[in-house]
Amino acid sequence: MLIRLDPASPEPLFAQLAAAIRGALARGELRSGERLPAARDLAESLGLNVHTVLHGYQQLRDEGLVELRRGRGAVVTAEAAGGLAALRQAVADVAAVAHRLGLTADELVELIREEYR
């Protein structure tokens, strides 16, 4: 899992970290039961304060994506994998409908962008 953060971004570093991990979950790079890097190790490798990493992990915990276990660190929950699987299925369903309606991929992406805002 590659994590890239932009210190110049207005988005806080902990939120960027949580978003990067969410992305890795969505891409299937992380699975249920898998451990995330130790907060101290990740902080060191990214040049962050350990509390910034812990804040990102806590955000993921609050969303139900990871469990924070004393001595084991952050572990991906089964809910994280299930929720993303449901999202993938919903996207596949929407793509199938768009295809039947003759929409191009660019048109579908634009519709999603409009809804996402």
PDB file of N, CA and C in Angstrom:
ATOM      1  N   MET A   1       0.849  -1.166   0.000  1.00  0.00           N
ATOM      2  CA  MET A   1       0.000   0.000   0.000  1.00  0.00           C
ATOM      3  C   MET A   1       0.895   1.230   0.000  1.00  0.00           C
ATOM      4  N   LEU A   2       0.686   2.080  -0.968  1.00  0.00           N
ATOM      5  CA  LEU A   2       1.456   3.315  -1.090  1.00  0.00           C
ATOM      6  C   LEU A   2       0.610   4.474  -0.584  1.00  0.00           C
ATOM      7  N   ILE A   3       1.160   5.238   0.338  1.00  0.00           N
ATOM      8  CA  ILE A   3       0.439   6.380   0.888  1.00  0.00           C
ATOM      9  C   ILE A   3       1.188   7.645   0.504  1.00  0.00           C
ATOM     10  N   ARG A   4       0.454   8.539  -0.143  1.00  0.00           N
ATOM     11  CA  ARG A   4       1.033   9.833  -0.514  1.00  0.00           C
ATOM     12  C   ARG A   4       0.216  10.930   0.136  1.00  0.00           C
ATOM     13  N   LEU A   5       0.915  11.851   0.756  1.00  0.00           N
ATOM     14  CA  LEU A   5       0.270  12.979   1.407  1.00  0.00           C
ATOM     15  C   LEU A   5       0.791  14.267   0.801  1.00  0.00           C
ATOM     16  N   ASP A   6      -0.053  15.287   0.778  1.00  0.00           N
ATOM     17  CA  ASP A   6       0.320  16.585   0.239  1.00  0.00           C
ATOM     18  C   ASP A   6       0.292  17.617   1.361  1.00  0.00           C
ATOM     19  N   PRO A   7       1.464  17.981   1.887  1.00  0.00           N
ATOM     20  CA  PRO A   7       1.496  18.950   2.986  1.00  0.00           C
ATOM     21  C   PRO A   7       0.924  20.319   2.596  1.00  0.00           C
ATOM     22  N   ALA A   8       0.877  20.627   1.305  1.00  0.00           N
ATOM     23  CA  ALA A   8       0.356  21.919   0.848  1.00  0.00           C
ATOM     24  C   ALA A   8      -1.164  21.911   0.712  1.00  0.00           C
ATOM     25  N   SER A   9      -1.772  20.756   0.818  1.00  0.00           N
ATOM     26  CA  SER A   9      -3.226  20.639   0.673  1.00  0.00           C
ATOM     27  C   SER A   9      -3.929  21.262   1.886  1.00  0.00           C
ATOM     28  N   PRO A  10      -5.101  21.862   1.655  1.00  0.00           N
ATOM     29  CA  PRO A  10      -5.865  22.383   2.795  1.00  0.00           C
ATOM     30  C   PRO A  10      -6.485  21.266   3.649  1.00  0.00           C
ATOM     31  N   GLU A  11      -6.547  20.051   3.099  1.00  0.00           N
ATOM     32  CA  GLU A  11      -7.076  18.916   3.854  1.00  0.00           C
ATOM     33  C   GLU A  11      -6.048  18.489   4.899  1.00  0.00           C
ATOM     34  N   PRO A  12      -6.475  18.299   6.155  1.00  0.00           N
ATOM     35  CA  PRO A  12      -5.519  17.901   7.199  1.00  0.00           C
ATOM     36  C   PRO A  12      -4.814  16.589   6.859  1.00  0.00           C
ATOM     37  N   LEU A  13      -3.597  16.443   7.342  1.00  0.00           N
ATOM     38  CA  LEU A  13      -2.800  15.252   7.041  1.00  0.00           C
ATOM     39  C   LEU A  13      -3.471  13.979   7.541  1.00  0.00           C
ATOM     40  N   PHE A  14      -4.100  14.018   8.726  1.00  0.00           N
ATOM     41  CA  PHE A  14      -4.760  12.812   9.225  1.00  0.00           C
ATOM     42  C   PHE A  14      -5.901  12.395   8.300  1.00  0.00           C
ATOM     43  N   ALA A  15      -6.620  13.374   7.737  1.00  0.00           N
ATOM     44  CA  ALA A  15      -7.719  13.069   6.817  1.00  0.00           C
ATOM     45  C   ALA A  15      -7.182  12.520   5.497  1.00  0.00           C
ATOM     46  N   GLN A  16      -6.051  13.052   5.035  1.00  0.00           N
ATOM     47  CA  GLN A  16      -5.424  12.520   3.823  1.00  0.00           C
ATOM     48  C   GLN A  16      -4.991  11.070   4.042  1.00  0.00           C
ATOM     49  N   LEU A  17      -4.448  10.800   5.212  1.00  0.00           N
ATOM     50  CA  LEU A  17      -4.021   9.445   5.542  1.00  0.00           C
ATOM     51  C   LEU A  17      -5.220   8.496   5.543  1.00  0.00           C
ATOM     52  N   ALA A  18      -6.303   8.895   6.209  1.00  0.00           N
ATOM     53  CA  ALA A  18      -7.509   8.062   6.260  1.00  0.00           C
ATOM     54  C   ALA A  18      -8.055   7.845   4.844  1.00  0.00           C
ATOM     55  N   ALA A  19      -8.046   8.870   4.019  1.00  0.00           N
ATOM     56  CA  ALA A  19      -8.534   8.743   2.641  1.00  0.00           C
ATOM     57  C   ALA A  19      -7.666   7.781   1.837  1.00  0.00           C
ATOM     58  N   ALA A  20      -6.357   7.819   2.047  1.00  0.00           N
ATOM     59  CA  ALA A  20      -5.460   6.909   1.340  1.00  0.00           C
ATOM     60  C   ALA A  20      -5.745   5.460   1.728  1.00  0.00           C
ATOM     61  N   ILE A  21      -6.029   5.238   2.988  1.00  0.00           N
ATOM     62  CA  ILE A  21      -6.329   3.875   3.446  1.00  0.00           C
ATOM     63  C   ILE A  21      -7.691   3.436   2.922  1.00  0.00           C
ATOM     64  N   ARG A  22      -8.670   4.356   2.921  1.00  0.00           N
ATOM     65  CA  ARG A  22      -9.972   4.025   2.330  1.00  0.00           C
ATOM     66  C   ARG A  22      -9.809   3.625   0.867  1.00  0.00           C
ATOM     67  N   GLY A  23      -8.963   4.358   0.154  1.00  0.00           N
ATOM     68  CA  GLY A  23      -8.702   4.039  -1.254  1.00  0.00           C
ATOM     69  C   GLY A  23      -8.088   2.659  -1.414  1.00  0.00           C
ATOM     70  N   ALA A  24      -7.148   2.324  -0.537  1.00  0.00           N
ATOM     71  CA  ALA A  24      -6.527   0.999  -0.592  1.00  0.00           C
ATOM     72  C   ALA A  24      -7.562  -0.092  -0.329  1.00  0.00           C
ATOM     73  N   LEU A  25      -8.490   0.176   0.573  1.00  0.00           N
ATOM     74  CA  LEU A  25      -9.579  -0.777   0.824  1.00  0.00           C
ATOM     75  C   LEU A  25     -10.449  -0.935  -0.421  1.00  0.00           C
ATOM     76  N   ALA A  26     -10.787   0.176  -1.038  1.00  0.00           N
ATOM     77  CA  ALA A  26     -11.650   0.140  -2.225  1.00  0.00           C
ATOM     78  C   ALA A  26     -10.980  -0.584  -3.385  1.00  0.00           C
ATOM     79  N   ARG A  27      -9.669  -0.455  -3.488  1.00  0.00           N
ATOM     80  CA  ARG A  27      -8.939  -1.119  -4.578  1.00  0.00           C
ATOM     81  C   ARG A  27      -8.635  -2.581  -4.265  1.00  0.00           C
ATOM     82  N   GLY A  28      -8.978  -3.023  -3.064  1.00  0.00           N
ATOM     83  CA  GLY A  28      -8.730  -4.409  -2.685  1.00  0.00           C
ATOM     84  C   GLY A  28      -7.309  -4.670  -2.234  1.00  0.00           C
ATOM     85  N   GLU A  29      -6.551  -3.618  -1.945  1.00  0.00           N
ATOM     86  CA  GLU A  29      -5.173  -3.786  -1.485  1.00  0.00           C
ATOM     87  C   GLU A  29      -5.122  -4.216  -0.022  1.00  0.00           C
ATOM     88  N   LEU A  30      -6.199  -3.967   0.708  1.00  0.00           N
ATOM     89  CA  LEU A  30      -6.307  -4.379   2.104  1.00  0.00           C
ATOM     90  C   LEU A  30      -7.550  -5.247   2.248  1.00  0.00           C
ATOM     91  N   ARG A  31      -7.447  -6.266   3.083  1.00  0.00           N
ATOM     92  CA  ARG A  31      -8.557  -7.198   3.270  1.00  0.00           C
ATOM     93  C   ARG A  31      -8.924  -7.305   4.755  1.00  0.00           C
ATOM     94  N   SER A  32     -10.088  -7.858   4.995  1.00  0.00           N
ATOM     95  CA  SER A  32     -10.561  -8.066   6.358  1.00  0.00           C
ATOM     96  C   SER A  32      -9.525  -8.858   7.162  1.00  0.00           C
ATOM     97  N   GLY A  33      -9.250  -8.391   8.377  1.00  0.00           N
ATOM     98  CA  GLY A  33      -8.305  -9.069   9.257  1.00  0.00           C
ATOM     99  C   GLY A  33      -6.859  -8.635   9.075  1.00  0.00           C
ATOM    100  N   GLU A  34      -6.592  -7.889   8.033  1.00  0.00           N
ATOM    101  CA  GLU A  34      -5.214  -7.445   7.772  1.00  0.00           C
ATOM    102  C   GLU A  34      -4.862  -6.291   8.700  1.00  0.00           C
ATOM    103  N   ARG A  35      -3.616  -6.306   9.167  1.00  0.00           N
ATOM    104  CA  ARG A  35      -3.138  -5.249  10.055  1.00  0.00           C
ATOM    105  C   ARG A  35      -2.560  -4.099   9.254  1.00  0.00           C
ATOM    106  N   LEU A  36      -2.868  -2.886   9.701  1.00  0.00           N
ATOM    107  CA  LEU A  36      -2.244  -1.697   9.134  1.00  0.00           C
ATOM    108  C   LEU A  36      -0.877  -1.533   9.790  1.00  0.00           C
ATOM    109  N   PRO A  37       0.000  -0.768   9.164  1.00  0.00           N
ATOM    110  CA  PRO A  37       1.319  -0.553   9.789  1.00  0.00           C
ATOM    111  C   PRO A  37       1.158   0.067  11.178  1.00  0.00           C
ATOM    112  N   ALA A  38       2.086  -0.252  12.058  1.00  0.00           N
ATOM    113  CA  ALA A  38       2.084   0.356  13.388  1.00  0.00           C
ATOM    114  C   ALA A  38       2.148   1.866  13.238  1.00  0.00           C
ATOM    115  N   ALA A  39       1.416   2.571  14.079  1.00  0.00           N
ATOM    116  CA  ALA A  39       1.337   4.029  13.977  1.00  0.00           C
ATOM    117  C   ALA A  39       2.720   4.665  14.041  1.00  0.00           C
ATOM    118  N   ARG A  40       3.551   4.174  14.928  1.00  0.00           N
ATOM    119  CA  ARG A  40       4.890   4.744  15.070  1.00  0.00           C
ATOM    120  C   ARG A  40       5.715   4.527  13.797  1.00  0.00           C
ATOM    121  N   ASP A  41       5.633   3.328  13.226  1.00  0.00           N
ATOM    122  CA  ASP A  41       6.388   3.030  12.007  1.00  0.00           C
ATOM    123  C   ASP A  41       5.890   3.865  10.832  1.00  0.00           C
ATOM    124  N   LEU A  42       4.566   3.965  10.702  1.00  0.00           N
ATOM    125  CA  LEU A  42       3.994   4.736   9.595  1.00  0.00           C
ATOM    126  C   LEU A  42       4.334   6.214   9.748  1.00  0.00           C
ATOM    127  N   ALA A  43       4.253   6.719  10.969  1.00  0.00           N
ATOM    128  CA  ALA A  43       4.597   8.121  11.214  1.00  0.00           C
ATOM    129  C   ALA A  43       6.037   8.396  10.812  1.00  0.00           C
ATOM    130  N   GLU A  44       6.923   7.501  11.181  1.00  0.00           N
ATOM    131  CA  GLU A  44       8.340   7.671  10.845  1.00  0.00           C
ATOM    132  C   GLU A  44       8.563   7.642   9.340  1.00  0.00           C
ATOM    133  N   SER A  45       7.908   6.692   8.656  1.00  0.00           N
ATOM    134  CA  SER A  45       8.129   6.571   7.209  1.00  0.00           C
ATOM    135  C   SER A  45       7.535   7.744   6.427  1.00  0.00           C
ATOM    136  N   LEU A  46       6.485   8.370   6.971  1.00  0.00           N
ATOM    137  CA  LEU A  46       5.852   9.494   6.282  1.00  0.00           C
ATOM    138  C   LEU A  46       6.330  10.852   6.796  1.00  0.00           C
ATOM    139  N   GLY A  47       7.149  10.835   7.841  1.00  0.00           N
ATOM    140  CA  GLY A  47       7.631  12.088   8.416  1.00  0.00           C
ATOM    141  C   GLY A  47       6.536  12.839   9.163  1.00  0.00           C
ATOM    142  N   LEU A  48       5.654  12.093   9.824  1.00  0.00           N
ATOM    143  CA  LEU A  48       4.542  12.683  10.562  1.00  0.00           C
ATOM    144  C   LEU A  48       4.716  12.468  12.053  1.00  0.00           C
ATOM    145  N   ASN A  49       3.945  13.212  12.811  1.00  0.00           N
ATOM    146  CA  ASN A  49       3.840  12.973  14.240  1.00  0.00           C
ATOM    147  C   ASN A  49       2.981  11.732  14.431  1.00  0.00           C
ATOM    148  N   VAL A  50       3.318  10.899  15.400  1.00  0.00           N
ATOM    149  CA  VAL A  50       2.565   9.667  15.635  1.00  0.00           C
ATOM    150  C   VAL A  50       1.103   9.971  15.962  1.00  0.00           C
ATOM    151  N   HIS A  51       0.825  11.113  16.579  1.00  0.00           N
ATOM    152  CA  HIS A  51      -0.554  11.471  16.911  1.00  0.00           C
ATOM    153  C   HIS A  51      -1.376  11.772  15.655  1.00  0.00           C
ATOM    154  N   THR A  52      -0.722  12.254  14.616  1.00  0.00           N
ATOM    155  CA  THR A  52      -1.415  12.492  13.344  1.00  0.00           C
ATOM    156  C   THR A  52      -1.878  11.164  12.762  1.00  0.00           C
ATOM    157  N   VAL A  53      -1.006  10.170  12.785  1.00  0.00           N
ATOM    158  CA  VAL A  53      -1.361   8.831  12.286  1.00  0.00           C
ATOM    159  C   VAL A  53      -2.475   8.241  13.145  1.00  0.00           C
ATOM    160  N   LEU A  54      -2.355   8.354  14.450  1.00  0.00           N
ATOM    161  CA  LEU A  54      -3.386   7.821  15.340  1.00  0.00           C
ATOM    162  C   LEU A  54      -4.735   8.498  15.105  1.00  0.00           C
ATOM    163  N   HIS A  55      -4.714   9.796  14.818  1.00  0.00           N
ATOM    164  CA  HIS A  55      -5.952  10.520  14.530  1.00  0.00           C
ATOM    165  C   HIS A  55      -6.596   9.958  13.255  1.00  0.00           C
ATOM    166  N   GLY A  56      -5.784   9.700  12.232  1.00  0.00           N
ATOM    167  CA  GLY A  56      -6.301   9.086  11.004  1.00  0.00           C
ATOM    168  C   GLY A  56      -6.869   7.700  11.263  1.00  0.00           C
ATOM    169  N   TYR A  57      -6.173   6.905  12.051  1.00  0.00           N
ATOM    170  CA  TYR A  57      -6.651   5.565  12.401  1.00  0.00           C
ATOM    171  C   TYR A  57      -7.958   5.656  13.199  1.00  0.00           C
ATOM    172  N   GLN A  58      -8.050   6.637  14.102  1.00  0.00           N
ATOM    173  CA  GLN A  58      -9.271   6.799  14.896  1.00  0.00           C
ATOM    174  C   GLN A  58     -10.450   7.189  14.015  1.00  0.00           C
ATOM    175  N   GLN A  59     -10.195   7.987  13.004  1.00  0.00           N
ATOM    176  CA  GLN A  59     -11.268   8.348  12.067  1.00  0.00           C
ATOM    177  C   GLN A  59     -11.779   7.087  11.360  1.00  0.00           C
ATOM    178  N   LEU A  60     -10.868   6.240  10.932  1.00  0.00           N
ATOM    179  CA  LEU A  60     -11.255   4.982  10.278  1.00  0.00           C
ATOM    180  C   LEU A  60     -12.004   4.074  11.255  1.00  0.00           C
ATOM    181  N   ARG A  61     -11.576   4.081  12.515  1.00  0.00           N
ATOM    182  CA  ARG A  61     -12.280   3.304  13.539  1.00  0.00           C
ATOM    183  C   ARG A  61     -13.708   3.815  13.711  1.00  0.00           C
ATOM    184  N   ASP A  62     -13.865   5.126  13.757  1.00  0.00           N
ATOM    185  CA  ASP A  62     -15.190   5.721  13.935  1.00  0.00           C
ATOM    186  C   ASP A  62     -16.115   5.397  12.761  1.00  0.00           C
ATOM    187  N   GLU A  63     -15.532   5.161  11.592  1.00  0.00           N
ATOM    188  CA  GLU A  63     -16.305   4.798  10.403  1.00  0.00           C
ATOM    189  C   GLU A  63     -16.565   3.291  10.327  1.00  0.00           C
ATOM    190  N   GLY A  64     -15.994   2.536  11.268  1.00  0.00           N
ATOM    191  CA  GLY A  64     -16.187   1.096  11.288  1.00  0.00           C
ATOM    192  C   GLY A  64     -15.293   0.334  10.327  1.00  0.00           C
ATOM    193  N   LEU A  65     -14.255   0.987   9.816  1.00  0.00           N
ATOM    194  CA  LEU A  65     -13.377   0.346   8.840  1.00  0.00           C
ATOM    195  C   LEU A  65     -12.219  -0.414   9.482  1.00  0.00           C
ATOM    196  N   VAL A  66     -11.796   0.023  10.658  1.00  0.00           N
ATOM    197  CA  VAL A  66     -10.729  -0.672  11.374  1.00  0.00           C
ATOM    198  C   VAL A  66     -11.095  -0.793  12.840  1.00  0.00           C
ATOM    199  N   GLU A  67     -10.498  -1.773  13.488  1.00  0.00           N
ATOM    200  CA  GLU A  67     -10.564  -1.920  14.938  1.00  0.00           C
ATOM    201  C   GLU A  67      -9.194  -1.564  15.476  1.00  0.00           C
ATOM    202  N   LEU A  68      -9.174  -0.819  16.558  1.00  0.00           N
ATOM    203  CA  LEU A  68      -7.905  -0.513  17.204  1.00  0.00           C
ATOM    204  C   LEU A  68      -7.787  -1.432  18.412  1.00  0.00           C
ATOM    205  N   ARG A  69      -6.779  -2.295  18.379  1.00  0.00           N
ATOM    206  CA  ARG A  69      -6.588  -3.280  19.442  1.00  0.00           C
ATOM    207  C   ARG A  69      -5.257  -3.037  20.133  1.00  0.00           C
ATOM    208  N   ARG A  70      -5.319  -2.956  21.441  1.00  0.00           N
ATOM    209  CA  ARG A  70      -4.090  -2.761  22.209  1.00  0.00           C
ATOM    210  C   ARG A  70      -3.147  -3.935  21.944  1.00  0.00           C
ATOM    211  N   GLY A  71      -1.942  -3.610  21.550  1.00  0.00           N
ATOM    212  CA  GLY A  71      -0.937  -4.641  21.299  1.00  0.00           C
ATOM    213  C   GLY A  71      -0.977  -5.218  19.890  1.00  0.00           C
ATOM    214  N   ARG A  72      -2.092  -5.048  19.173  1.00  0.00           N
ATOM    215  CA  ARG A  72      -2.186  -5.569  17.805  1.00  0.00           C
ATOM    216  C   ARG A  72      -2.277  -4.452  16.785  1.00  0.00           C
ATOM    217  N   GLY A  73      -2.585  -3.251  17.224  1.00  0.00           N
ATOM    218  CA  GLY A  73      -2.664  -2.125  16.322  1.00  0.00           C
ATOM    219  C   GLY A  73      -4.009  -2.038  15.624  1.00  0.00           C
ATOM    220  N   ALA A  74      -3.993  -1.482  14.435  1.00  0.00           N
ATOM    221  CA  ALA A  74      -5.212  -1.273  13.648  1.00  0.00           C
ATOM    222  C   ALA A  74      -5.413  -2.462  12.711  1.00  0.00           C
ATOM    223  N   VAL A  75      -6.609  -3.049  12.775  1.00  0.00           N
ATOM    224  CA  VAL A  75      -6.937  -4.226  11.976  1.00  0.00           C
ATOM    225  C   VAL A  75      -8.185  -3.933  11.156  1.00  0.00           C
ATOM    226  N   VAL A  76      -8.145  -4.250   9.860  1.00  0.00           N
ATOM    227  CA  VAL A  76      -9.280  -4.020   8.968  1.00  0.00           C
ATOM    228  C   VAL A  76     -10.450  -4.904   9.392  1.00  0.00           C
ATOM    229  N   THR A  77     -11.632  -4.309   9.493  1.00  0.00           N
ATOM    230  CA  THR A  77     -12.824  -5.043   9.913  1.00  0.00           C
ATOM    231  C   THR A  77     -13.476  -5.762   8.743  1.00  0.00           C
ATOM    232  N   ALA A  78     -14.284  -6.738   9.070  1.00  0.00           N
ATOM    233  CA  ALA A  78     -15.068  -7.443   8.048  1.00  0.00           C
ATOM    234  C   ALA A  78     -16.078  -6.488   7.417  1.00  0.00           C
ATOM    235  N   GLU A  79     -16.588  -5.543   8.211  1.00  0.00           N
ATOM    236  CA  GLU A  79     -17.539  -4.559   7.700  1.00  0.00           C
ATOM    237  C   GLU A  79     -16.928  -3.722   6.592  1.00  0.00           C
ATOM    238  N   ALA A  80     -15.643  -3.417   6.716  1.00  0.00           N
ATOM    239  CA  ALA A  80     -14.973  -2.605   5.697  1.00  0.00           C
ATOM    240  C   ALA A  80     -15.010  -3.314   4.357  1.00  0.00           C
ATOM    241  N   ALA A  81     -14.683  -4.587   4.361  1.00  0.00           N
ATOM    242  CA  ALA A  81     -14.682  -5.358   3.119  1.00  0.00           C
ATOM    243  C   ALA A  81     -16.097  -5.511   2.588  1.00  0.00           C
ATOM    244  N   GLY A  82     -17.068  -5.765   3.469  1.00  0.00           N
ATOM    245  CA  GLY A  82     -18.451  -5.955   3.042  1.00  0.00           C
ATOM    246  C   GLY A  82     -19.060  -4.687   2.472  1.00  0.00           C
ATOM    247  N   GLY A  83     -18.808  -3.564   3.125  1.00  0.00           N
ATOM    248  CA  GLY A  83     -19.351  -2.295   2.649  1.00  0.00           C
ATOM    249  C   GLY A  83     -18.814  -1.916   1.292  1.00  0.00           C
ATOM    250  N   LEU A  84     -17.536  -2.157   1.085  1.00  0.00           N
ATOM    251  CA  LEU A  84     -16.939  -1.831  -0.203  1.00  0.00           C
ATOM    252  C   LEU A  84     -17.390  -2.804  -1.281  1.00  0.00           C
ATOM    253  N   ALA A  85     -17.637  -4.047  -0.896  1.00  0.00           N
ATOM    254  CA  ALA A  85     -18.158  -5.007  -1.866  1.00  0.00           C
ATOM    255  C   ALA A  85     -19.535  -4.579  -2.334  1.00  0.00           C
ATOM    256  N   ALA A  86     -20.341  -4.073  -1.404  1.00  0.00           N
ATOM    257  CA  ALA A  86     -21.672  -3.585  -1.767  1.00  0.00           C
ATOM    258  C   ALA A  86     -21.575  -2.378  -2.692  1.00  0.00           C
ATOM    259  N   LEU A  87     -20.629  -1.495  -2.417  1.00  0.00           N
ATOM    260  CA  LEU A  87     -20.435  -0.331  -3.279  1.00  0.00           C
ATOM    261  C   LEU A  87     -19.994  -0.752  -4.675  1.00  0.00           C
ATOM    262  N   ARG A  88     -19.082  -1.706  -4.744  1.00  0.00           N
ATOM    263  CA  ARG A  88     -18.635  -2.198  -6.054  1.00  0.00           C
ATOM    264  C   ARG A  88     -19.807  -2.778  -6.850  1.00  0.00           C
ATOM    265  N   GLN A  89     -20.682  -3.512  -6.174  1.00  0.00           N
ATOM    266  CA  GLN A  89     -21.843  -4.093  -6.843  1.00  0.00           C
ATOM    267  C   GLN A  89     -22.779  -2.994  -7.324  1.00  0.00           C
ATOM    268  N   ALA A  90     -22.983  -1.977  -6.507  1.00  0.00           N
ATOM    269  CA  ALA A  90     -23.842  -0.859  -6.902  1.00  0.00           C
ATOM    270  C   ALA A  90     -23.270  -0.150  -8.130  1.00  0.00           C
ATOM    271  N   VAL A  91     -21.963   0.035  -8.152  1.00  0.00           N
ATOM    272  CA  VAL A  91     -21.318   0.674  -9.309  1.00  0.00           C
ATOM    273  C   VAL A  91     -21.479  -0.197 -10.546  1.00  0.00           C
ATOM    274  N   ALA A  92     -21.322  -1.497 -10.401  1.00  0.00           N
ATOM    275  CA  ALA A  92     -21.501  -2.413 -11.537  1.00  0.00           C
ATOM    276  C   ALA A  92     -22.926  -2.334 -12.061  1.00  0.00           C
ATOM    277  N   ASP A  93     -23.899  -2.259 -11.149  1.00  0.00           N
ATOM    278  CA  ASP A  93     -25.298  -2.147 -11.560  1.00  0.00           C
ATOM    279  C   ASP A  93     -25.557  -0.841 -12.311  1.00  0.00           C
ATOM    280  N   VAL A  94     -25.027   0.253 -11.786  1.00  0.00           N
ATOM    281  CA  VAL A  94     -25.197   1.557 -12.442  1.00  0.00           C
ATOM    282  C   VAL A  94     -24.531   1.549 -13.812  1.00  0.00           C
ATOM    283  N   ALA A  95     -23.350   0.966 -13.902  1.00  0.00           N
ATOM    284  CA  ALA A  95     -22.643   0.905 -15.189  1.00  0.00           C
ATOM    285  C   ALA A  95     -23.443   0.092 -16.206  1.00  0.00           C
ATOM    286  N   ALA A  96     -24.066  -0.984 -15.763  1.00  0.00           N
ATOM    287  CA  ALA A  96     -24.871  -1.813 -16.671  1.00  0.00           C
ATOM    288  C   ALA A  96     -26.076  -1.034 -17.192  1.00  0.00           C
ATOM    289  N   VAL A  97     -26.740  -0.291 -16.310  1.00  0.00           N
ATOM    290  CA  VAL A  97     -27.891   0.526 -16.733  1.00  0.00           C
ATOM    291  C   VAL A  97     -27.433   1.606 -17.710  1.00  0.00           C
ATOM    292  N   ALA A  98     -26.332   2.265 -17.403  1.00  0.00           N
ATOM    293  CA  ALA A  98     -25.817   3.317 -18.276  1.00  0.00           C
ATOM    294  C   ALA A  98     -25.478   2.749 -19.654  1.00  0.00           C
ATOM    295  N   HIS A  99     -24.905   1.565 -19.671  1.00  0.00           N
ATOM    296  CA  HIS A  99     -24.562   0.915 -20.945  1.00  0.00           C
ATOM    297  C   HIS A  99     -25.820   0.627 -21.757  1.00  0.00           C
ATOM    298  N   ARG A 100     -26.861   0.104 -21.092  1.00  0.00           N
ATOM    299  CA  ARG A 100     -28.127  -0.175 -21.783  1.00  0.00           C
ATOM    300  C   ARG A 100     -28.752   1.098 -22.339  1.00  0.00           C
ATOM    301  N   LEU A 101     -28.557   2.217 -21.641  1.00  0.00           N
ATOM    302  CA  LEU A 101     -29.116   3.497 -22.086  1.00  0.00           C
ATOM    303  C   LEU A 101     -28.259   4.178 -23.153  1.00  0.00           C
ATOM    304  N   GLY A 102     -27.109   3.594 -23.426  1.00  0.00           N
ATOM    305  CA  GLY A 102     -26.240   4.137 -24.465  1.00  0.00           C
ATOM    306  C   GLY A 102     -25.342   5.272 -24.005  1.00  0.00           C
ATOM    307  N   LEU A 103     -25.187   5.451 -22.706  1.00  0.00           N
ATOM    308  CA  LEU A 103     -24.299   6.495 -22.205  1.00  0.00           C
ATOM    309  C   LEU A 103     -22.847   6.058 -22.348  1.00  0.00           C
ATOM    310  N   THR A 104     -21.997   7.013 -22.626  1.00  0.00           N
ATOM    311  CA  THR A 104     -20.567   6.724 -22.658  1.00  0.00           C
ATOM    312  C   THR A 104     -20.036   6.725 -21.229  1.00  0.00           C
ATOM    313  N   ALA A 105     -18.843   6.209 -21.059  1.00  0.00           N
ATOM    314  CA  ALA A 105     -18.218   6.202 -19.734  1.00  0.00           C
ATOM    315  C   ALA A 105     -18.032   7.633 -19.232  1.00  0.00           C
ATOM    316  N   ASP A 106     -17.659   8.543 -20.122  1.00  0.00           N
ATOM    317  CA  ASP A 106     -17.475   9.944 -19.717  1.00  0.00           C
ATOM    318  C   ASP A 106     -18.784  10.568 -19.253  1.00  0.00           C
ATOM    319  N   GLU A 107     -19.879  10.249 -19.928  1.00  0.00           N
ATOM    320  CA  GLU A 107     -21.182  10.775 -19.519  1.00  0.00           C
ATOM    321  C   GLU A 107     -21.588  10.230 -18.151  1.00  0.00           C
ATOM    322  N   LEU A 108     -21.326   8.953 -17.928  1.00  0.00           N
ATOM    323  CA  LEU A 108     -21.638   8.350 -16.637  1.00  0.00           C
ATOM    324  C   LEU A 108     -20.803   8.988 -15.528  1.00  0.00           C
ATOM    325  N   VAL A 109     -19.537   9.181 -15.788  1.00  0.00           N
ATOM    326  CA  VAL A 109     -18.662   9.807 -14.794  1.00  0.00           C
ATOM    327  C   VAL A 109     -19.159  11.206 -14.468  1.00  0.00           C
ATOM    328  N   GLU A 110     -19.587  11.945 -15.465  1.00  0.00           N
ATOM    329  CA  GLU A 110     -20.096  13.300 -15.232  1.00  0.00           C
ATOM    330  C   GLU A 110     -21.368  13.263 -14.384  1.00  0.00           C
ATOM    331  N   LEU A 111     -22.243  12.309 -14.636  1.00  0.00           N
ATOM    332  CA  LEU A 111     -23.451  12.166 -13.806  1.00  0.00           C
ATOM    333  C   LEU A 111     -23.085  11.871 -12.356  1.00  0.00           C
ATOM    334  N   ILE A 112     -22.096  11.025 -12.163  1.00  0.00           N
ATOM    335  CA  ILE A 112     -21.670  10.692 -10.805  1.00  0.00           C
ATOM    336  C   ILE A 112     -21.058  11.906 -10.133  1.00  0.00           C
ATOM    337  N   ARG A 113     -20.252  12.645 -10.871  1.00  0.00           N
ATOM    338  CA  ARG A 113     -19.660  13.867 -10.309  1.00  0.00           C
ATOM    339  C   ARG A 113     -20.727  14.844  -9.858  1.00  0.00           C
ATOM    340  N   GLU A 114     -21.780  15.015 -10.665  1.00  0.00           N
ATOM    341  CA  GLU A 114     -22.873  15.925 -10.314  1.00  0.00           C
ATOM    342  C   GLU A 114     -23.554  15.481  -9.022  1.00  0.00           C
ATOM    343  N   GLU A 115     -23.775  14.188  -8.879  1.00  0.00           N
ATOM    344  CA  GLU A 115     -24.428  13.671  -7.685  1.00  0.00           C
ATOM    345  C   GLU A 115     -23.530  13.741  -6.460  1.00  0.00           C
ATOM    346  N   TYR A 116     -22.254  13.593  -6.668  1.00  0.00           N
ATOM    347  CA  TYR A 116     -21.306  13.545  -5.559  1.00  0.00           C
ATOM    348  C   TYR A 116     -21.158  14.906  -4.900  1.00  0.00           C
ATOM    349  N   ARG A 117     -21.361  15.954  -5.671  1.00  0.00           N
ATOM    350  CA  ARG A 117     -21.200  17.312  -5.132  1.00  0.00           C
ATOM    351  C   ARG A 117     -22.269  17.588  -4.176  1.00  0.00           C
TER     352      ARG A 117
END
